[in-house]
Amino acid sequence: ENLSAKELKKMLSKQRRAQKKAKLEEERKHAERERQQKNQKKKRDEEEEETSGPREELVPEKLERVSMFLLMLQSVKRAFAINSNNPWLHECLIRFSKA
């Protein structure tokens, strides 16, 4: 196209502004998505904690002492789902199998 230097400069400036605006909008959307994901995760964690009851009551060692084997099994299963490679969990599994 045959544009004068002034028109070309104006067009390039508009393009840069549009790109900058699009980039800012994308960053804003990304930040909003992250915030929503954090809120959803927090809400899920709170709901999970409400349904599972207080964590102190489900400690396998405490349940073993009181001979509550079904609750101890439930506690071990939950801990296994969270982190199956935990050495403390391995100790609890051994104690549970011996009980």
PDB file of N, CA and C in Angstrom:
ATOM      1  N   GLU A   1       0.832  -1.175   0.000  1.00  0.00           N
ATOM      2  CA  GLU A   1       0.000   0.000   0.000  1.00  0.00           C
ATOM      3  C   GLU A   1       0.878   1.239   0.000  1.00  0.00           C
ATOM      4  N   ASN A   2       0.372   2.244  -0.598  1.00  0.00           N
ATOM      5  CA  ASN A   2       1.111   3.503  -0.668  1.00  0.00           C
ATOM      6  C   ASN A   2       0.657   4.419   0.459  1.00  0.00           C
ATOM      7  N   LEU A   3       1.359   4.316   1.591  1.00  0.00           N
ATOM      8  CA  LEU A   3       1.037   5.149   2.740  1.00  0.00           C
ATOM      9  C   LEU A   3       2.164   6.137   2.969  1.00  0.00           C
ATOM     10  N   SER A   4       1.796   7.318   3.406  1.00  0.00           N
ATOM     11  CA  SER A   4       2.827   8.290   3.739  1.00  0.00           C
ATOM     12  C   SER A   4       3.503   7.851   5.037  1.00  0.00           C
ATOM     13  N   ALA A   5       4.607   8.445   5.334  1.00  0.00           N
ATOM     14  CA  ALA A   5       5.364   8.090   6.534  1.00  0.00           C
ATOM     15  C   ALA A   5       4.518   8.322   7.784  1.00  0.00           C
ATOM     16  N   LYS A   6       3.764   9.395   7.780  1.00  0.00           N
ATOM     17  CA  LYS A   6       2.927   9.719   8.935  1.00  0.00           C
ATOM     18  C   LYS A   6       1.832   8.668   9.124  1.00  0.00           C
ATOM     19  N   GLU A   7       1.186   8.266   8.010  1.00  0.00           N
ATOM     20  CA  GLU A   7       0.124   7.259   8.086  1.00  0.00           C
ATOM     21  C   GLU A   7       0.682   5.902   8.507  1.00  0.00           C
ATOM     22  N   LEU A   8       1.865   5.563   7.988  1.00  0.00           N
ATOM     23  CA  LEU A   8       2.506   4.298   8.337  1.00  0.00           C
ATOM     24  C   LEU A   8       2.843   4.264   9.826  1.00  0.00           C
ATOM     25  N   LYS A   9       3.386   5.375  10.316  1.00  0.00           N
ATOM     26  CA  LYS A   9       3.727   5.466  11.735  1.00  0.00           C
ATOM     27  C   LYS A   9       2.471   5.333  12.594  1.00  0.00           C
ATOM     28  N   LYS A  10       1.395   5.983  12.168  1.00  0.00           N
ATOM     29  CA  LYS A  10       0.133   5.930  12.899  1.00  0.00           C
ATOM     30  C   LYS A  10      -0.421   4.500  12.918  1.00  0.00           C
ATOM     31  N   MET A  11      -0.350   3.819  11.777  1.00  0.00           N
ATOM     32  CA  MET A  11      -0.853   2.451  11.682  1.00  0.00           C
ATOM     33  C   MET A  11      -0.035   1.505  12.570  1.00  0.00           C
ATOM     34  N   LEU A  12       1.278   1.649  12.543  1.00  0.00           N
ATOM     35  CA  LEU A  12       2.141   0.807  13.373  1.00  0.00           C
ATOM     36  C   LEU A  12       1.892   1.061  14.858  1.00  0.00           C
ATOM     37  N   SER A  13       1.669   2.314  15.201  1.00  0.00           N
ATOM     38  CA  SER A  13       1.382   2.663  16.591  1.00  0.00           C
ATOM     39  C   SER A  13       0.071   2.006  17.039  1.00  0.00           C
ATOM     40  N   LYS A  14      -0.941   2.038  16.168  1.00  0.00           N
ATOM     41  CA  LYS A  14      -2.219   1.394  16.491  1.00  0.00           C
ATOM     42  C   LYS A  14      -2.033  -0.104  16.684  1.00  0.00           C
ATOM     43  N   GLN A  15      -1.225  -0.717  15.831  1.00  0.00           N
ATOM     44  CA  GLN A  15      -0.976  -2.155  15.942  1.00  0.00           C
ATOM     45  C   GLN A  15      -0.293  -2.486  17.265  1.00  0.00           C
ATOM     46  N   ARG A  16       0.711  -1.685  17.629  1.00  0.00           N
ATOM     47  CA  ARG A  16       1.415  -1.920  18.896  1.00  0.00           C
ATOM     48  C   ARG A  16       0.471  -1.782  20.083  1.00  0.00           C
ATOM     49  N   ARG A  17      -0.368  -0.741  20.046  1.00  0.00           N
ATOM     50  CA  ARG A  17      -1.327  -0.557  21.135  1.00  0.00           C
ATOM     51  C   ARG A  17      -2.311  -1.719  21.209  1.00  0.00           C
ATOM     52  N   ALA A  18      -2.770  -2.194  20.059  1.00  0.00           N
ATOM     53  CA  ALA A  18      -3.710  -3.315  20.038  1.00  0.00           C
ATOM     54  C   ALA A  18      -3.044  -4.577  20.586  1.00  0.00           C
ATOM     55  N   GLN A  19      -1.783  -4.805  20.217  1.00  0.00           N
ATOM     56  CA  GLN A  19      -1.060  -5.971  20.727  1.00  0.00           C
ATOM     57  C   GLN A  19      -0.867  -5.866  22.240  1.00  0.00           C
ATOM     58  N   LYS A  20      -0.502  -4.674  22.697  1.00  0.00           N
ATOM     59  CA  LYS A  20      -0.294  -4.464  24.128  1.00  0.00           C
ATOM     60  C   LYS A  20      -1.600  -4.675  24.892  1.00  0.00           C
ATOM     61  N   LYS A  21      -2.698  -4.161  24.341  1.00  0.00           N
ATOM     62  CA  LYS A  21      -4.002  -4.317  24.976  1.00  0.00           C
ATOM     63  C   LYS A  21      -4.403  -5.791  25.020  1.00  0.00           C
ATOM     64  N   ALA A  22      -4.156  -6.515  23.933  1.00  0.00           N
ATOM     65  CA  ALA A  22      -4.493  -7.940  23.884  1.00  0.00           C
ATOM     66  C   ALA A  22      -3.660  -8.717  24.899  1.00  0.00           C
ATOM     67  N   LYS A  23      -2.390  -8.353  25.023  1.00  0.00           N
ATOM     68  CA  LYS A  23      -1.514  -9.031  25.979  1.00  0.00           C
ATOM     69  C   LYS A  23      -1.989  -8.778  27.412  1.00  0.00           C
ATOM     70  N   LEU A  24      -2.330  -7.535  27.724  1.00  0.00           N
ATOM     71  CA  LEU A  24      -2.826  -7.204  29.063  1.00  0.00           C
ATOM     72  C   LEU A  24      -4.134  -7.935  29.362  1.00  0.00           C
ATOM     73  N   GLU A  25      -5.000  -8.020  28.362  1.00  0.00           N
ATOM     74  CA  GLU A  25      -6.273  -8.726  28.542  1.00  0.00           C
ATOM     75  C   GLU A  25      -6.029 -10.213  28.795  1.00  0.00           C
ATOM     76  N   GLU A  26      -5.093 -10.796  28.064  1.00  0.00           N
ATOM     77  CA  GLU A  26      -4.761 -12.214  28.250  1.00  0.00           C
ATOM     78  C   GLU A  26      -4.185 -12.454  29.649  1.00  0.00           C
ATOM     79  N   GLU A  27      -3.314 -11.564  30.108  1.00  0.00           N
ATOM     80  CA  GLU A  27      -2.743 -11.687  31.451  1.00  0.00           C
ATOM     81  C   GLU A  27      -3.832 -11.559  32.522  1.00  0.00           C
ATOM     82  N   ARG A  28      -4.765 -10.656  32.293  1.00  0.00           N
ATOM     83  CA  ARG A  28      -5.869 -10.475  33.238  1.00  0.00           C
ATOM     84  C   ARG A  28      -6.734 -11.737  33.297  1.00  0.00           C
ATOM     85  N   LYS A  29      -7.029 -12.306  32.132  1.00  0.00           N
ATOM     86  CA  LYS A  29      -7.827 -13.537  32.092  1.00  0.00           C
ATOM     87  C   LYS A  29      -7.087 -14.680  32.781  1.00  0.00           C
ATOM     88  N   HIS A  30      -5.781 -14.754  32.552  1.00  0.00           N
ATOM     89  CA  HIS A  30      -4.974 -15.813  33.169  1.00  0.00           C
ATOM     90  C   HIS A  30      -4.985 -15.666  34.695  1.00  0.00           C
ATOM     91  N   ALA A  31      -4.820 -14.440  35.172  1.00  0.00           N
ATOM     92  CA  ALA A  31      -4.833 -14.199  36.618  1.00  0.00           C
ATOM     93  C   ALA A  31      -6.206 -14.544  37.202  1.00  0.00           C
ATOM     94  N   GLU A  32      -7.262 -14.207  36.485  1.00  0.00           N
ATOM     95  CA  GLU A  32      -8.617 -14.524  36.944  1.00  0.00           C
ATOM     96  C   GLU A  32      -8.820 -16.037  37.015  1.00  0.00           C
ATOM     97  N   ARG A  33      -8.326 -16.757  35.999  1.00  0.00           N
ATOM     98  CA  ARG A  33      -8.435 -18.219  35.997  1.00  0.00           C
ATOM     99  C   ARG A  33      -7.692 -18.821  37.185  1.00  0.00           C
ATOM    100  N   GLU A  34      -6.481 -18.326  37.446  1.00  0.00           N
ATOM    101  CA  GLU A  34      -5.702 -18.826  38.583  1.00  0.00           C
ATOM    102  C   GLU A  34      -6.427 -18.567  39.898  1.00  0.00           C
ATOM    103  N   ARG A  35      -6.993 -17.383  40.033  1.00  0.00           N
ATOM    104  CA  ARG A  35      -7.716 -17.027  41.252  1.00  0.00           C
ATOM    105  C   ARG A  35      -8.927 -17.952  41.435  1.00  0.00           C
ATOM    106  N   GLN A  36      -9.646 -18.228  40.346  1.00  0.00           N
ATOM    107  CA  GLN A  36     -10.796 -19.128  40.438  1.00  0.00           C
ATOM    108  C   GLN A  36     -10.363 -20.539  40.815  1.00  0.00           C
ATOM    109  N   GLN A  37      -9.253 -21.006  40.236  1.00  0.00           N
ATOM    110  CA  GLN A  37      -8.762 -22.343  40.559  1.00  0.00           C
ATOM    111  C   GLN A  37      -8.359 -22.431  42.025  1.00  0.00           C
ATOM    112  N   LYS A  38      -7.700 -21.398  42.532  1.00  0.00           N
ATOM    113  CA  LYS A  38      -7.312 -21.389  43.945  1.00  0.00           C
ATOM    114  C   LYS A  38      -8.543 -21.423  44.839  1.00  0.00           C
ATOM    115  N   ASN A  39      -9.556 -20.626  44.477  1.00  0.00           N
ATOM    116  CA  ASN A  39     -10.787 -20.604  45.270  1.00  0.00           C
ATOM    117  C   ASN A  39     -11.482 -21.958  45.242  1.00  0.00           C
ATOM    118  N   GLN A  40     -11.519 -22.587  44.062  1.00  0.00           N
ATOM    119  CA  GLN A  40     -12.152 -23.903  43.953  1.00  0.00           C
ATOM    120  C   GLN A  40     -11.393 -24.933  44.775  1.00  0.00           C
ATOM    121  N   LYS A  41     -10.063 -24.888  44.714  1.00  0.00           N
ATOM    122  CA  LYS A  41      -9.252 -25.844  45.475  1.00  0.00           C
ATOM    123  C   LYS A  41      -9.472 -25.635  46.971  1.00  0.00           C
ATOM    124  N   LYS A  42      -9.498 -24.370  47.391  1.00  0.00           N
ATOM    125  CA  LYS A  42      -9.720 -24.067  48.800  1.00  0.00           C
ATOM    126  C   LYS A  42     -11.093 -24.569  49.243  1.00  0.00           C
ATOM    127  N   LYS A  43     -12.102 -24.353  48.401  1.00  0.00           N
ATOM    128  CA  LYS A  43     -13.454 -24.794  48.728  1.00  0.00           C
ATOM    129  C   LYS A  43     -13.511 -26.321  48.813  1.00  0.00           C
ATOM    130  N   ARG A  44     -12.858 -27.018  47.862  1.00  0.00           N
ATOM    131  CA  ARG A  44     -12.835 -28.487  47.892  1.00  0.00           C
ATOM    132  C   ARG A  44     -12.150 -28.988  49.153  1.00  0.00           C
ATOM    133  N   ASP A  45     -11.025 -28.361  49.506  1.00  0.00           N
ATOM    134  CA  ASP A  45     -10.303 -28.769  50.714  1.00  0.00           C
ATOM    135  C   ASP A  45     -11.166 -28.575  51.957  1.00  0.00           C
ATOM    136  N   GLU A  46     -11.870 -27.446  52.017  1.00  0.00           N
ATOM    137  CA  GLU A  46     -12.736 -27.191  53.170  1.00  0.00           C
ATOM    138  C   GLU A  46     -13.865 -28.215  53.241  1.00  0.00           C
ATOM    139  N   GLU A  47     -14.465 -28.526  52.085  1.00  0.00           N
ATOM    140  CA  GLU A  47     -15.553 -29.510  52.066  1.00  0.00           C
ATOM    141  C   GLU A  47     -15.035 -30.885  52.462  1.00  0.00           C
ATOM    142  N   GLU A  48     -13.849 -31.230  51.966  1.00  0.00           N
ATOM    143  CA  GLU A  48     -13.263 -32.528  52.295  1.00  0.00           C
ATOM    144  C   GLU A  48     -12.981 -32.619  53.788  1.00  0.00           C
ATOM    145  N   GLU A  49     -12.483 -31.529  54.358  1.00  0.00           N
ATOM    146  CA  GLU A  49     -12.187 -31.517  55.790  1.00  0.00           C
ATOM    147  C   GLU A  49     -13.468 -31.634  56.604  1.00  0.00           C
ATOM    148  N   GLU A  50     -14.544 -30.979  56.130  1.00  0.00           N
ATOM    149  CA  GLU A  50     -15.823 -31.064  56.843  1.00  0.00           C
ATOM    150  C   GLU A  50     -16.360 -32.489  56.822  1.00  0.00           C
ATOM    151  N   THR A  51     -16.245 -33.159  55.679  1.00  0.00           N
ATOM    152  CA  THR A  51     -16.795 -34.512  55.578  1.00  0.00           C
ATOM    153  C   THR A  51     -15.937 -35.532  56.301  1.00  0.00           C
ATOM    154  N   SER A  52     -14.632 -35.271  56.368  1.00  0.00           N
ATOM    155  CA  SER A  52     -13.753 -36.248  57.017  1.00  0.00           C
ATOM    156  C   SER A  52     -13.681 -36.038  58.525  1.00  0.00           C
ATOM    157  N   GLY A  53     -14.185 -34.928  59.007  1.00  0.00           N
ATOM    158  CA  GLY A  53     -14.133 -34.657  60.443  1.00  0.00           C
ATOM    159  C   GLY A  53     -12.772 -34.118  60.826  1.00  0.00           C
ATOM    160  N   PRO A  54     -12.587 -33.846  62.098  1.00  0.00           N
ATOM    161  CA  PRO A  54     -11.292 -33.326  62.547  1.00  0.00           C
ATOM    162  C   PRO A  54     -10.182 -34.332  62.284  1.00  0.00           C
ATOM    163  N   ARG A  55      -9.046 -33.840  61.833  1.00  0.00           N
ATOM    164  CA  ARG A  55      -7.940 -34.723  61.480  1.00  0.00           C
ATOM    165  C   ARG A  55      -7.335 -35.410  62.700  1.00  0.00           C
ATOM    166  N   GLU A  56      -7.413 -34.788  63.834  1.00  0.00           N
ATOM    167  CA  GLU A  56      -6.821 -35.379  65.032  1.00  0.00           C
ATOM    168  C   GLU A  56      -7.475 -36.706  65.388  1.00  0.00           C
ATOM    169  N   GLU A  57      -8.770 -36.826  65.107  1.00  0.00           N
ATOM    170  CA  GLU A  57      -9.488 -38.035  65.488  1.00  0.00           C
ATOM    171  C   GLU A  57      -9.123 -39.225  64.619  1.00  0.00           C
ATOM    172  N   LEU A  58      -8.507 -38.997  63.473  1.00  0.00           N
ATOM    173  CA  LEU A  58      -8.231 -40.091  62.555  1.00  0.00           C
ATOM    174  C   LEU A  58      -6.756 -40.469  62.508  1.00  0.00           C
ATOM    175  N   VAL A  59      -6.016 -40.109  63.499  1.00  0.00           N
ATOM    176  CA  VAL A  59      -4.610 -40.486  63.552  1.00  0.00           C
ATOM    177  C   VAL A  59      -4.535 -41.978  63.862  1.00  0.00           C
ATOM    178  N   PRO A  60      -3.906 -42.769  62.977  1.00  0.00           N
ATOM    179  CA  PRO A  60      -3.889 -44.228  63.173  1.00  0.00           C
ATOM    180  C   PRO A  60      -3.313 -44.669  64.514  1.00  0.00           C
ATOM    181  N   GLU A  61      -2.286 -43.987  65.007  1.00  0.00           N
ATOM    182  CA  GLU A  61      -1.675 -44.387  66.283  1.00  0.00           C
ATOM    183  C   GLU A  61      -2.673 -44.258  67.432  1.00  0.00           C
ATOM    184  N   LYS A  62      -3.414 -43.171  67.446  1.00  0.00           N
ATOM    185  CA  LYS A  62      -4.403 -42.954  68.507  1.00  0.00           C
ATOM    186  C   LYS A  62      -5.512 -44.003  68.412  1.00  0.00           C
ATOM    187  N   LEU A  63      -5.958 -44.280  67.199  1.00  0.00           N
ATOM    188  CA  LEU A  63      -7.030 -45.260  67.017  1.00  0.00           C
ATOM    189  C   LEU A  63      -6.574 -46.663  67.402  1.00  0.00           C
ATOM    190  N   GLU A  64      -5.293 -46.937  67.185  1.00  0.00           N
ATOM    191  CA  GLU A  64      -4.764 -48.250  67.557  1.00  0.00           C
ATOM    192  C   GLU A  64      -4.819 -48.427  69.072  1.00  0.00           C
ATOM    193  N   ARG A  65      -4.472 -47.378  69.792  1.00  0.00           N
ATOM    194  CA  ARG A  65      -4.472 -47.459  71.258  1.00  0.00           C
ATOM    195  C   ARG A  65      -5.875 -47.697  71.807  1.00  0.00           C
ATOM    196  N   VAL A  66      -6.891 -47.148  71.135  1.00  0.00           N
ATOM    197  CA  VAL A  66      -8.253 -47.272  71.626  1.00  0.00           C
ATOM    198  C   VAL A  66      -8.951 -48.493  71.017  1.00  0.00           C
ATOM    199  N   SER A  67      -8.253 -49.247  70.207  1.00  0.00           N
ATOM    200  CA  SER A  67      -8.775 -50.455  69.548  1.00  0.00           C
ATOM    201  C   SER A  67      -9.966 -50.152  68.644  1.00  0.00           C
ATOM    202  N   MET A  68      -9.877 -49.090  67.876  1.00  0.00           N
ATOM    203  CA  MET A  68     -10.915 -48.755  66.901  1.00  0.00           C
ATOM    204  C   MET A  68     -10.371 -49.122  65.522  1.00  0.00           C
ATOM    205  N   PHE A  69     -10.454 -50.393  65.194  1.00  0.00           N
ATOM    206  CA  PHE A  69      -9.777 -50.888  64.003  1.00  0.00           C
ATOM    207  C   PHE A  69     -10.428 -50.424  62.700  1.00  0.00           C
ATOM    208  N   LEU A  70     -11.741 -50.312  62.670  1.00  0.00           N
ATOM    209  CA  LEU A  70     -12.381 -49.860  61.436  1.00  0.00           C
ATOM    210  C   LEU A  70     -12.032 -48.403  61.134  1.00  0.00           C
ATOM    211  N   LEU A  71     -12.031 -47.578  62.175  1.00  0.00           N
ATOM    212  CA  LEU A  71     -11.634 -46.183  61.973  1.00  0.00           C
ATOM    213  C   LEU A  71     -10.157 -46.087  61.622  1.00  0.00           C
ATOM    214  N   MET A  72      -9.369 -46.958  62.225  1.00  0.00           N
ATOM    215  CA  MET A  72      -7.943 -46.968  61.911  1.00  0.00           C
ATOM    216  C   MET A  72      -7.740 -47.345  60.441  1.00  0.00           C
ATOM    217  N   LEU A  73      -8.486 -48.329  59.964  1.00  0.00           N
ATOM    218  CA  LEU A  73      -8.391 -48.724  58.562  1.00  0.00           C
ATOM    219  C   LEU A  73      -8.784 -47.561  57.655  1.00  0.00           C
ATOM    220  N   GLN A  74      -9.847 -46.878  58.010  1.00  0.00           N
ATOM    221  CA  GLN A  74     -10.302 -45.730  57.227  1.00  0.00           C
ATOM    222  C   GLN A  74      -9.217 -44.645  57.191  1.00  0.00           C
ATOM    223  N   SER A  75      -8.612 -44.401  58.321  1.00  0.00           N
ATOM    224  CA  SER A  75      -7.564 -43.395  58.409  1.00  0.00           C
ATOM    225  C   SER A  75      -6.353 -43.783  57.568  1.00  0.00           C
ATOM    226  N   VAL A  76      -5.971 -45.038  57.632  1.00  0.00           N
ATOM    227  CA  VAL A  76      -4.820 -45.512  56.855  1.00  0.00           C
ATOM    228  C   VAL A  76      -5.118 -45.409  55.363  1.00  0.00           C
ATOM    229  N   LYS A  77      -6.343 -45.740  54.970  1.00  0.00           N
ATOM    230  CA  LYS A  77      -6.715 -45.651  53.557  1.00  0.00           C
ATOM    231  C   LYS A  77      -6.640 -44.212  53.058  1.00  0.00           C
ATOM    232  N   ARG A  78      -7.108 -43.274  53.868  1.00  0.00           N
ATOM    233  CA  ARG A  78      -7.041 -41.859  53.472  1.00  0.00           C
ATOM    234  C   ARG A  78      -5.593 -41.398  53.353  1.00  0.00           C
ATOM    235  N   ALA A  79      -4.783 -41.779  54.323  1.00  0.00           N
ATOM    236  CA  ALA A  79      -3.373 -41.389  54.287  1.00  0.00           C
ATOM    237  C   ALA A  79      -2.686 -42.013  53.077  1.00  0.00           C
ATOM    238  N   PHE A  80      -3.035 -43.242  52.756  1.00  0.00           N
ATOM    239  CA  PHE A  80      -2.445 -43.927  51.607  1.00  0.00           C
ATOM    240  C   PHE A  80      -2.821 -43.216  50.312  1.00  0.00           C
ATOM    241  N   ALA A  81      -4.049 -42.707  50.232  1.00  0.00           N
ATOM    242  CA  ALA A  81      -4.495 -41.986  49.043  1.00  0.00           C
ATOM    243  C   ALA A  81      -3.758 -40.665  48.894  1.00  0.00           C
ATOM    244  N   ILE A  82      -3.389 -40.048  50.007  1.00  0.00           N
ATOM    245  CA  ILE A  82      -2.696 -38.765  49.955  1.00  0.00           C
ATOM    246  C   ILE A  82      -1.243 -38.948  49.546  1.00  0.00           C
ATOM    247  N   ASN A  83      -0.532 -39.855  50.246  1.00  0.00           N
ATOM    248  CA  ASN A  83       0.882 -40.064  49.928  1.00  0.00           C
ATOM    249  C   ASN A  83       1.255 -41.491  50.309  1.00  0.00           C
ATOM    250  N   SER A  84       1.338 -42.348  49.312  1.00  0.00           N
ATOM    251  CA  SER A  84       1.596 -43.760  49.594  1.00  0.00           C
ATOM    252  C   SER A  84       3.072 -44.045  49.859  1.00  0.00           C
ATOM    253  N   ASN A  85       3.956 -43.080  49.636  1.00  0.00           N
ATOM    254  CA  ASN A  85       5.393 -43.308  49.827  1.00  0.00           C
ATOM    255  C   ASN A  85       5.916 -42.785  51.162  1.00  0.00           C
ATOM    256  N   ASN A  86       5.041 -42.390  52.033  1.00  0.00           N
ATOM    257  CA  ASN A  86       5.445 -41.821  53.312  1.00  0.00           C
ATOM    258  C   ASN A  86       5.910 -42.936  54.258  1.00  0.00           C
ATOM    259  N   PRO A  87       7.122 -42.823  54.828  1.00  0.00           N
ATOM    260  CA  PRO A  87       7.620 -43.870  55.728  1.00  0.00           C
ATOM    261  C   PRO A  87       6.766 -44.019  56.991  1.00  0.00           C
ATOM    262  N   TRP A  88       6.224 -42.932  57.502  1.00  0.00           N
ATOM    263  CA  TRP A  88       5.361 -43.001  58.679  1.00  0.00           C
ATOM    264  C   TRP A  88       4.122 -43.836  58.371  1.00  0.00           C
ATOM    265  N   LEU A  89       3.586 -43.666  57.156  1.00  0.00           N
ATOM    266  CA  LEU A  89       2.423 -44.446  56.748  1.00  0.00           C
ATOM    267  C   LEU A  89       2.774 -45.930  56.691  1.00  0.00           C
ATOM    268  N   HIS A  90       3.964 -46.237  56.240  1.00  0.00           N
ATOM    269  CA  HIS A  90       4.402 -47.637  56.178  1.00  0.00           C
ATOM    270  C   HIS A  90       4.423 -48.243  57.587  1.00  0.00           C
ATOM    271  N   GLU A  91       4.918 -47.481  58.552  1.00  0.00           N
ATOM    272  CA  GLU A  91       4.915 -47.952  59.945  1.00  0.00           C
ATOM    273  C   GLU A  91       3.484 -48.221  60.422  1.00  0.00           C
ATOM    274  N   CYS A  92       2.577 -47.311  60.090  1.00  0.00           N
ATOM    275  CA  CYS A  92       1.177 -47.481  60.502  1.00  0.00           C
ATOM    276  C   CYS A  92       0.569 -48.726  59.865  1.00  0.00           C
ATOM    277  N   LEU A  93       0.896 -48.974  58.603  1.00  0.00           N
ATOM    278  CA  LEU A  93       0.372 -50.167  57.927  1.00  0.00           C
ATOM    279  C   LEU A  93       0.866 -51.437  58.607  1.00  0.00           C
ATOM    280  N   ILE A  94       2.131 -51.451  58.988  1.00  0.00           N
ATOM    281  CA  ILE A  94       2.696 -52.628  59.659  1.00  0.00           C
ATOM    282  C   ILE A  94       2.019 -52.825  61.011  1.00  0.00           C
ATOM    283  N   ARG A  95       1.870 -51.730  61.773  1.00  0.00           N
ATOM    284  CA  ARG A  95       1.209 -51.837  63.076  1.00  0.00           C
ATOM    285  C   ARG A  95      -0.241 -52.291  62.926  1.00  0.00           C
ATOM    286  N   PHE A  96      -0.907 -51.796  61.900  1.00  0.00           N
ATOM    287  CA  PHE A  96      -2.297 -52.182  61.674  1.00  0.00           C
ATOM    288  C   PHE A  96      -2.394 -53.668  61.327  1.00  0.00           C
ATOM    289  N   SER A  97      -1.465 -54.149  60.513  1.00  0.00           N
ATOM    290  CA  SER A  97      -1.519 -55.569  60.134  1.00  0.00           C
ATOM    291  C   SER A  97      -1.209 -56.478  61.325  1.00  0.00           C
ATOM    292  N   LYS A  98      -0.405 -55.988  62.282  1.00  0.00           N
ATOM    293  CA  LYS A  98      -0.082 -56.789  63.469  1.00  0.00           C
ATOM    294  C   LYS A  98      -1.204 -56.753  64.503  1.00  0.00           C
ATOM    295  N   ALA A  99      -2.021 -55.712  64.471  1.00  0.00           N
ATOM    296  CA  ALA A  99      -3.068 -55.537  65.491  1.00  0.00           C
ATOM    297  C   ALA A  99      -4.209 -56.509  65.337  1.00  0.00           C
TER     298      ALA A  99
END
